[in-house]
Amino acid sequence: MILFGACVSGDGSRFRSTCEPALRQVLGPKDRIMVLPGDGQGIPRVYNAILAAARSERDCEGVVLLHDDVEIIDPDFRAKTLAALR
């Protein structure tokens, strides 16, 4: 399982229109998306919270940290990520 964690700003519309649709194209069946607001907290705090959550997942093989305007377009992204981590 890969945990895709996103730091989202504002009302989350940028995440929903850009990042999330692209993520849905590369997710594996057990992968998870974790979305946390960055407003007022800062990106490092959000990413640290996502990493802490990943540590509690026994089957987590990797973590991908994203900002809400990132779009993953490589259909082999998941396989390439897991291969790099192995």
PDB file of N, CA and C in Angstrom:
ATOM      1  N   MET A   1       0.840  -1.174   0.000  1.00  0.00           N
ATOM      2  CA  MET A   1       0.000   0.000   0.000  1.00  0.00           C
ATOM      3  C   MET A   1       0.884   1.236   0.000  1.00  0.00           C
ATOM      4  N   ILE A   2       0.501   2.196  -0.794  1.00  0.00           N
ATOM      5  CA  ILE A   2       1.152   3.502  -0.789  1.00  0.00           C
ATOM      6  C   ILE A   2       0.169   4.496  -0.186  1.00  0.00           C
ATOM      7  N   LEU A   3       0.670   5.322   0.694  1.00  0.00           N
ATOM      8  CA  LEU A   3      -0.133   6.411   1.250  1.00  0.00           C
ATOM      9  C   LEU A   3       0.239   7.677   0.491  1.00  0.00           C
ATOM     10  N   PHE A   4      -0.726   8.236  -0.230  1.00  0.00           N
ATOM     11  CA  PHE A   4      -0.549   9.500  -0.930  1.00  0.00           C
ATOM     12  C   PHE A   4      -1.101  10.584  -0.019  1.00  0.00           C
ATOM     13  N   GLY A   5      -0.238  11.462   0.441  1.00  0.00           N
ATOM     14  CA  GLY A   5      -0.648  12.509   1.358  1.00  0.00           C
ATOM     15  C   GLY A   5      -0.562  13.871   0.708  1.00  0.00           C
ATOM     16  N   ALA A   6      -1.632  14.624   0.824  1.00  0.00           N
ATOM     17  CA  ALA A   6      -1.687  15.934   0.179  1.00  0.00           C
ATOM     18  C   ALA A   6      -1.939  17.035   1.198  1.00  0.00           C
ATOM     19  N   CYS A   7      -1.197  18.125   1.036  1.00  0.00           N
ATOM     20  CA  CYS A   7      -1.403  19.344   1.803  1.00  0.00           C
ATOM     21  C   CYS A   7      -2.297  20.242   0.961  1.00  0.00           C
ATOM     22  N   VAL A   8      -3.469  20.565   1.495  1.00  0.00           N
ATOM     23  CA  VAL A   8      -4.485  21.275   0.724  1.00  0.00           C
ATOM     24  C   VAL A   8      -4.690  22.677   1.287  1.00  0.00           C
ATOM     25  N   SER A   9      -4.799  23.631   0.388  1.00  0.00           N
ATOM     26  CA  SER A   9      -5.037  25.012   0.817  1.00  0.00           C
ATOM     27  C   SER A   9      -6.451  25.440   0.447  1.00  0.00           C
ATOM     28  N   GLY A  10      -6.913  26.476   1.129  1.00  0.00           N
ATOM     29  CA  GLY A  10      -8.226  27.051   0.828  1.00  0.00           C
ATOM     30  C   GLY A  10      -9.361  26.068   1.011  1.00  0.00           C
ATOM     31  N   ASP A  11     -10.296  26.097   0.071  1.00  0.00           N
ATOM     32  CA  ASP A  11     -11.477  25.239   0.167  1.00  0.00           C
ATOM     33  C   ASP A  11     -11.263  23.842  -0.429  1.00  0.00           C
ATOM     34  N   GLY A  12     -10.061  23.563  -0.904  1.00  0.00           N
ATOM     35  CA  GLY A  12      -9.751  22.249  -1.455  1.00  0.00           C
ATOM     36  C   GLY A  12     -10.124  22.074  -2.916  1.00  0.00           C
ATOM     37  N   SER A  13     -10.615  23.134  -3.544  1.00  0.00           N
ATOM     38  CA  SER A  13     -11.058  23.007  -4.933  1.00  0.00           C
ATOM     39  C   SER A  13      -9.899  22.700  -5.882  1.00  0.00           C
ATOM     40  N   ARG A  14      -8.737  23.255  -5.608  1.00  0.00           N
ATOM     41  CA  ARG A  14      -7.591  22.983  -6.478  1.00  0.00           C
ATOM     42  C   ARG A  14      -7.208  21.504  -6.391  1.00  0.00           C
ATOM     43  N   PHE A  15      -7.237  20.937  -5.193  1.00  0.00           N
ATOM     44  CA  PHE A  15      -6.955  19.511  -5.024  1.00  0.00           C
ATOM     45  C   PHE A  15      -7.976  18.677  -5.797  1.00  0.00           C
ATOM     46  N   ARG A  16      -9.246  18.987  -5.619  1.00  0.00           N
ATOM     47  CA  ARG A  16     -10.303  18.198  -6.256  1.00  0.00           C
ATOM     48  C   ARG A  16     -10.274  18.290  -7.778  1.00  0.00           C
ATOM     49  N   SER A  17      -9.820  19.425  -8.308  1.00  0.00           N
ATOM     50  CA  SER A  17      -9.834  19.584  -9.763  1.00  0.00           C
ATOM     51  C   SER A  17      -8.542  19.136 -10.440  1.00  0.00           C
ATOM     52  N   THR A  18      -7.431  19.144  -9.728  1.00  0.00           N
ATOM     53  CA  THR A  18      -6.148  18.834 -10.348  1.00  0.00           C
ATOM     54  C   THR A  18      -5.521  17.550  -9.817  1.00  0.00           C
ATOM     55  N   CYS A  19      -5.258  17.525  -8.553  1.00  0.00           N
ATOM     56  CA  CYS A  19      -4.498  16.438  -7.943  1.00  0.00           C
ATOM     57  C   CYS A  19      -5.308  15.147  -7.818  1.00  0.00           C
ATOM     58  N   GLU A  20      -6.490  15.244  -7.259  1.00  0.00           N
ATOM     59  CA  GLU A  20      -7.275  14.035  -6.972  1.00  0.00           C
ATOM     60  C   GLU A  20      -7.629  13.223  -8.220  1.00  0.00           C
ATOM     61  N   PRO A  21      -8.111  13.830  -9.301  1.00  0.00           N
ATOM     62  CA  PRO A  21      -8.432  13.017 -10.483  1.00  0.00           C
ATOM     63  C   PRO A  21      -7.225  12.257 -11.023  1.00  0.00           C
ATOM     64  N   ALA A  22      -6.063  12.895 -11.003  1.00  0.00           N
ATOM     65  CA  ALA A  22      -4.846  12.228 -11.472  1.00  0.00           C
ATOM     66  C   ALA A  22      -4.458  11.090 -10.534  1.00  0.00           C
ATOM     67  N   LEU A  23      -4.577  11.312  -9.234  1.00  0.00           N
ATOM     68  CA  LEU A  23      -4.266  10.248  -8.269  1.00  0.00           C
ATOM     69  C   LEU A  23      -5.161   9.035  -8.485  1.00  0.00           C
ATOM     70  N   ARG A  24      -6.416   9.268  -8.737  1.00  0.00           N
ATOM     71  CA  ARG A  24      -7.370   8.162  -8.926  1.00  0.00           C
ATOM     72  C   ARG A  24      -6.960   7.264 -10.092  1.00  0.00           C
ATOM     73  N   GLN A  25      -6.202   7.825 -11.040  1.00  0.00           N
ATOM     74  CA  GLN A  25      -5.742   7.052 -12.197  1.00  0.00           C
ATOM     75  C   GLN A  25      -4.558   6.140 -11.878  1.00  0.00           C
ATOM     76  N   VAL A  26      -3.815   6.431 -10.802  1.00  0.00           N
ATOM     77  CA  VAL A  26      -2.614   5.648 -10.490  1.00  0.00           C
ATOM     78  C   VAL A  26      -2.734   4.830  -9.212  1.00  0.00           C
ATOM     79  N   LEU A  27      -3.809   4.997  -8.465  1.00  0.00           N
ATOM     80  CA  LEU A  27      -3.969   4.282  -7.197  1.00  0.00           C
ATOM     81  C   LEU A  27      -4.081   2.778  -7.401  1.00  0.00           C
ATOM     82  N   GLY A  28      -3.439   2.040  -6.488  1.00  0.00           N
ATOM     83  CA  GLY A  28      -3.641   0.605  -6.422  1.00  0.00           C
ATOM     84  C   GLY A  28      -4.852   0.330  -5.550  1.00  0.00           C
ATOM     85  N   PRO A  29      -5.320  -0.921  -5.532  1.00  0.00           N
ATOM     86  CA  PRO A  29      -6.550  -1.241  -4.803  1.00  0.00           C
ATOM     87  C   PRO A  29      -6.502  -0.966  -3.301  1.00  0.00           C
ATOM     88  N   LYS A  30      -5.328  -1.048  -2.693  1.00  0.00           N
ATOM     89  CA  LYS A  30      -5.228  -0.825  -1.246  1.00  0.00           C
ATOM     90  C   LYS A  30      -4.606   0.525  -0.886  1.00  0.00           C
ATOM     91  N   ASP A  31      -4.227   1.300  -1.888  1.00  0.00           N
ATOM     92  CA  ASP A  31      -3.619   2.606  -1.635  1.00  0.00           C
ATOM     93  C   ASP A  31      -4.627   3.538  -0.985  1.00  0.00           C
ATOM     94  N   ARG A  32      -4.075   4.517  -0.258  1.00  0.00           N
ATOM     95  CA  ARG A  32      -4.928   5.490   0.427  1.00  0.00           C
ATOM     96  C   ARG A  32      -4.511   6.903   0.071  1.00  0.00           C
ATOM     97  N   ILE A  33      -5.470   7.795   0.112  1.00  0.00           N
ATOM     98  CA  ILE A  33      -5.203   9.226  -0.030  1.00  0.00           C
ATOM     99  C   ILE A  33      -5.539   9.874   1.302  1.00  0.00           C
ATOM    100  N   MET A  34      -4.607  10.639   1.825  1.00  0.00           N
ATOM    101  CA  MET A  34      -4.830  11.385   3.067  1.00  0.00           C
ATOM    102  C   MET A  34      -4.692  12.862   2.737  1.00  0.00           C
ATOM    103  N   VAL A  35      -5.733  13.625   3.015  1.00  0.00           N
ATOM    104  CA  VAL A  35      -5.766  15.047   2.690  1.00  0.00           C
ATOM    105  C   VAL A  35      -5.881  15.834   3.990  1.00  0.00           C
ATOM    106  N   LEU A  36      -4.950  16.757   4.200  1.00  0.00           N
ATOM    107  CA  LEU A  36      -4.981  17.600   5.390  1.00  0.00           C
ATOM    108  C   LEU A  36      -4.851  19.059   4.983  1.00  0.00           C
ATOM    109  N   PRO A  37      -5.546  19.949   5.686  1.00  0.00           N
ATOM    110  CA  PRO A  37      -5.450  21.378   5.355  1.00  0.00           C
ATOM    111  C   PRO A  37      -4.111  21.953   5.779  1.00  0.00           C
ATOM    112  N   GLY A  38      -3.551  22.782   4.917  1.00  0.00           N
ATOM    113  CA  GLY A  38      -2.276  23.414   5.227  1.00  0.00           C
ATOM    114  C   GLY A  38      -2.420  24.827   5.751  1.00  0.00           C
ATOM    115  N   ASP A  39      -3.571  25.421   5.561  1.00  0.00           N
ATOM    116  CA  ASP A  39      -3.781  26.796   5.987  1.00  0.00           C
ATOM    117  C   ASP A  39      -3.604  26.922   7.496  1.00  0.00           C
ATOM    118  N   GLY A  40      -2.716  27.810   7.877  1.00  0.00           N
ATOM    119  CA  GLY A  40      -2.492  28.069   9.291  1.00  0.00           C
ATOM    120  C   GLY A  40      -1.580  27.064   9.977  1.00  0.00           C
ATOM    121  N   GLN A  41      -1.289  25.952   9.335  1.00  0.00           N
ATOM    122  CA  GLN A  41      -0.432  24.932   9.935  1.00  0.00           C
ATOM    123  C   GLN A  41       0.951  24.888   9.308  1.00  0.00           C
ATOM    124  N   GLY A  42       1.017  25.111   8.035  1.00  0.00           N
ATOM    125  CA  GLY A  42       2.268  25.025   7.313  1.00  0.00           C
ATOM    126  C   GLY A  42       2.484  23.635   6.750  1.00  0.00           C
ATOM    127  N   ILE A  43       3.117  23.582   5.603  1.00  0.00           N
ATOM    128  CA  ILE A  43       3.351  22.322   4.906  1.00  0.00           C
ATOM    129  C   ILE A  43       4.170  21.337   5.734  1.00  0.00           C
ATOM    130  N   PRO A  44       5.267  21.744   6.401  1.00  0.00           N
ATOM    131  CA  PRO A  44       6.042  20.761   7.170  1.00  0.00           C
ATOM    132  C   PRO A  44       5.205  20.054   8.245  1.00  0.00           C
ATOM    133  N   ARG A  45       4.364  20.793   8.922  1.00  0.00           N
ATOM    134  CA  ARG A  45       3.533  20.178   9.968  1.00  0.00           C
ATOM    135  C   ARG A  45       2.567  19.160   9.363  1.00  0.00           C
ATOM    136  N   VAL A  46       1.973  19.511   8.223  1.00  0.00           N
ATOM    137  CA  VAL A  46       1.048  18.600   7.543  1.00  0.00           C
ATOM    138  C   VAL A  46       1.784  17.349   7.084  1.00  0.00           C
ATOM    139  N   TYR A  47       2.926  17.518   6.452  1.00  0.00           N
ATOM    140  CA  TYR A  47       3.679  16.357   5.969  1.00  0.00           C
ATOM    141  C   TYR A  47       4.143  15.476   7.129  1.00  0.00           C
ATOM    142  N   ASN A  48       4.527  16.074   8.245  1.00  0.00           N
ATOM    143  CA  ASN A  48       4.906  15.268   9.409  1.00  0.00           C
ATOM    144  C   ASN A  48       3.724  14.467   9.943  1.00  0.00           C
ATOM    145  N   ALA A  49       2.537  15.036   9.915  1.00  0.00           N
ATOM    146  CA  ALA A  49       1.339  14.309  10.355  1.00  0.00           C
ATOM    147  C   ALA A  49       1.044  13.133   9.422  1.00  0.00           C
ATOM    148  N   ILE A  50       1.239  13.337   8.141  1.00  0.00           N
ATOM    149  CA  ILE A  50       1.020  12.259   7.170  1.00  0.00           C
ATOM    150  C   ILE A  50       2.045  11.148   7.394  1.00  0.00           C
ATOM    151  N   LEU A  51       3.300  11.519   7.614  1.00  0.00           N
ATOM    152  CA  LEU A  51       4.328  10.509   7.878  1.00  0.00           C
ATOM    153  C   LEU A  51       4.040   9.737   9.163  1.00  0.00           C
ATOM    154  N   ALA A  52       3.548  10.418  10.173  1.00  0.00           N
ATOM    155  CA  ALA A  52       3.191   9.738  11.428  1.00  0.00           C
ATOM    156  C   ALA A  52       2.062   8.738  11.179  1.00  0.00           C
ATOM    157  N   ALA A  53       1.086   9.112  10.378  1.00  0.00           N
ATOM    158  CA  ALA A  53      -0.010   8.199  10.052  1.00  0.00           C
ATOM    159  C   ALA A  53       0.502   6.994   9.272  1.00  0.00           C
ATOM    160  N   ALA A  54       1.436   7.220   8.377  1.00  0.00           N
ATOM    161  CA  ALA A  54       1.990   6.124   7.576  1.00  0.00           C
ATOM    162  C   ALA A  54       2.721   5.112   8.455  1.00  0.00           C
ATOM    163  N   ARG A  55       3.401   5.597   9.472  1.00  0.00           N
ATOM    164  CA  ARG A  55       4.128   4.687  10.374  1.00  0.00           C
ATOM    165  C   ARG A  55       3.182   3.743  11.106  1.00  0.00           C
ATOM    166  N   SER A  56       1.941   4.138  11.288  1.00  0.00           N
ATOM    167  CA  SER A  56       0.997   3.286  11.997  1.00  0.00           C
ATOM    168  C   SER A  56       0.317   2.264  11.079  1.00  0.00           C
ATOM    169  N   GLU A  57       0.568   2.347   9.793  1.00  0.00           N
ATOM    170  CA  GLU A  57      -0.010   1.413   8.818  1.00  0.00           C
ATOM    171  C   GLU A  57       0.969   0.258   8.594  1.00  0.00           C
ATOM    172  N   ARG A  58       0.595  -0.926   9.005  1.00  0.00           N
ATOM    173  CA  ARG A  58       1.494  -2.083   8.896  1.00  0.00           C
ATOM    174  C   ARG A  58       1.866  -2.419   7.459  1.00  0.00           C
ATOM    175  N   ASP A  59       0.947  -2.230   6.537  1.00  0.00           N
ATOM    176  CA  ASP A  59       1.201  -2.620   5.154  1.00  0.00           C
ATOM    177  C   ASP A  59       1.661  -1.468   4.262  1.00  0.00           C
ATOM    178  N   CYS A  60       2.071  -0.363   4.869  1.00  0.00           N
ATOM    179  CA  CYS A  60       2.518   0.793   4.090  1.00  0.00           C
ATOM    180  C   CYS A  60       3.917   0.538   3.530  1.00  0.00           C
ATOM    181  N   GLU A  61       4.014   0.540   2.205  1.00  0.00           N
ATOM    182  CA  GLU A  61       5.294   0.314   1.533  1.00  0.00           C
ATOM    183  C   GLU A  61       5.974   1.616   1.126  1.00  0.00           C
ATOM    184  N   GLY A  62       5.214   2.694   1.111  1.00  0.00           N
ATOM    185  CA  GLY A  62       5.783   3.966   0.706  1.00  0.00           C
ATOM    186  C   GLY A  62       4.808   5.101   0.926  1.00  0.00           C
ATOM    187  N   VAL A  63       5.366   6.310   0.934  1.00  0.00           N
ATOM    188  CA  VAL A  63       4.581   7.521   1.131  1.00  0.00           C
ATOM    189  C   VAL A  63       4.938   8.495   0.008  1.00  0.00           C
ATOM    190  N   VAL A  64       3.924   9.091  -0.574  1.00  0.00           N
ATOM    191  CA  VAL A  64       4.119  10.125  -1.580  1.00  0.00           C
ATOM    192  C   VAL A  64       3.461  11.391  -1.044  1.00  0.00           C
ATOM    193  N   LEU A  65       4.258  12.424  -0.840  1.00  0.00           N
ATOM    194  CA  LEU A  65       3.762  13.698  -0.324  1.00  0.00           C
ATOM    195  C   LEU A  65       3.536  14.660  -1.487  1.00  0.00           C
ATOM    196  N   LEU A  66       2.359  15.252  -1.512  1.00  0.00           N
ATOM    197  CA  LEU A  66       1.970  16.108  -2.633  1.00  0.00           C
ATOM    198  C   LEU A  66       1.372  17.413  -2.145  1.00  0.00           C
ATOM    199  N   HIS A  67       1.518  18.424  -2.951  1.00  0.00           N
ATOM    200  CA  HIS A  67       0.764  19.651  -2.732  1.00  0.00           C
ATOM    201  C   HIS A  67      -0.489  19.560  -3.587  1.00  0.00           C
ATOM    202  N   ASP A  68      -1.456  20.380  -3.315  1.00  0.00           N
ATOM    203  CA  ASP A  68      -2.762  20.246  -3.966  1.00  0.00           C
ATOM    204  C   ASP A  68      -2.784  20.579  -5.452  1.00  0.00           C
ATOM    205  N   ASP A  69      -1.692  21.136  -5.990  1.00  0.00           N
ATOM    206  CA  ASP A  69      -1.669  21.466  -7.409  1.00  0.00           C
ATOM    207  C   ASP A  69      -0.781  20.534  -8.227  1.00  0.00           C
ATOM    208  N   VAL A  70      -0.384  19.410  -7.635  1.00  0.00           N
ATOM    209  CA  VAL A  70       0.461  18.440  -8.325  1.00  0.00           C
ATOM    210  C   VAL A  70      -0.421  17.430  -9.053  1.00  0.00           C
ATOM    211  N   GLU A  71      -0.041  17.140 -10.284  1.00  0.00           N
ATOM    212  CA  GLU A  71      -0.783  16.175 -11.082  1.00  0.00           C
ATOM    213  C   GLU A  71       0.178  15.081 -11.542  1.00  0.00           C
ATOM    214  N   ILE A  72      -0.042  13.853 -11.091  1.00  0.00           N
ATOM    215  CA  ILE A  72       0.779  12.720 -11.522  1.00  0.00           C
ATOM    216  C   ILE A  72       0.187  12.212 -12.828  1.00  0.00           C
ATOM    217  N   ILE A  73       0.995  12.256 -13.895  1.00  0.00           N
ATOM    218  CA  ILE A  73       0.467  11.873 -15.206  1.00  0.00           C
ATOM    219  C   ILE A  73       1.078  10.579 -15.746  1.00  0.00           C
ATOM    220  N   ASP A  74       2.096  10.056 -15.092  1.00  0.00           N
ATOM    221  CA  ASP A  74       2.732   8.818 -15.537  1.00  0.00           C
ATOM    222  C   ASP A  74       1.898   7.627 -15.070  1.00  0.00           C
ATOM    223  N   PRO A  75       1.326   6.844 -15.988  1.00  0.00           N
ATOM    224  CA  PRO A  75       0.502   5.709 -15.580  1.00  0.00           C
ATOM    225  C   PRO A  75       1.292   4.635 -14.831  1.00  0.00           C
ATOM    226  N   ASP A  76       2.615   4.654 -14.969  1.00  0.00           N
ATOM    227  CA  ASP A  76       3.475   3.678 -14.286  1.00  0.00           C
ATOM    228  C   ASP A  76       4.079   4.235 -13.006  1.00  0.00           C
ATOM    229  N   PHE A  77       3.583   5.369 -12.548  1.00  0.00           N
ATOM    230  CA  PHE A  77       4.142   6.020 -11.371  1.00  0.00           C
ATOM    231  C   PHE A  77       4.197   5.089 -10.167  1.00  0.00           C
ATOM    232  N   ARG A  78       3.111   4.399  -9.914  1.00  0.00           N
ATOM    233  CA  ARG A  78       3.032   3.523  -8.733  1.00  0.00           C
ATOM    234  C   ARG A  78       4.095   2.421  -8.806  1.00  0.00           C
ATOM    235  N   ALA A  79       4.170   1.738  -9.930  1.00  0.00           N
ATOM    236  CA  ALA A  79       5.144   0.665 -10.088  1.00  0.00           C
ATOM    237  C   ALA A  79       6.569   1.179  -9.982  1.00  0.00           C
ATOM    238  N   LYS A  80       6.832   2.318 -10.593  1.00  0.00           N
ATOM    239  CA  LYS A  80       8.170   2.912 -10.541  1.00  0.00           C
ATOM    240  C   LYS A  80       8.540   3.311  -9.119  1.00  0.00           C
ATOM    241  N   THR A  81       7.569   3.849  -8.388  1.00  0.00           N
ATOM    242  CA  THR A  81       7.820   4.249  -7.004  1.00  0.00           C
ATOM    243  C   THR A  81       8.162   3.056  -6.140  1.00  0.00           C
ATOM    244  N   LEU A  82       7.368   1.999  -6.241  1.00  0.00           N
ATOM    245  CA  LEU A  82       7.635   0.797  -5.438  1.00  0.00           C
ATOM    246  C   LEU A  82       8.961   0.142  -5.829  1.00  0.00           C
ATOM    247  N   ALA A  83       9.273   0.140  -7.109  1.00  0.00           N
ATOM    248  CA  ALA A  83      10.550  -0.428  -7.562  1.00  0.00           C
ATOM    249  C   ALA A  83      11.725   0.363  -6.994  1.00  0.00           C
ATOM    250  N   ALA A  84      11.607   1.676  -6.982  1.00  0.00           N
ATOM    251  CA  ALA A  84      12.680   2.523  -6.435  1.00  0.00           C
ATOM    252  C   ALA A  84      12.855   2.289  -4.939  1.00  0.00           C
ATOM    253  N   LEU A  85      11.767   2.041  -4.237  1.00  0.00           N
ATOM    254  CA  LEU A  85      11.847   1.821  -2.785  1.00  0.00           C
ATOM    255  C   LEU A  85      12.400   0.446  -2.428  1.00  0.00           C
ATOM    256  N   ARG A  86      12.242  -0.501  -3.332  1.00  0.00           N
ATOM    257  CA  ARG A  86      12.778  -1.849  -3.081  1.00  0.00           C
ATOM    258  C   ARG A  86      14.270  -1.832  -3.216  1.00  0.00           C
TER     259      ARG A  86
END
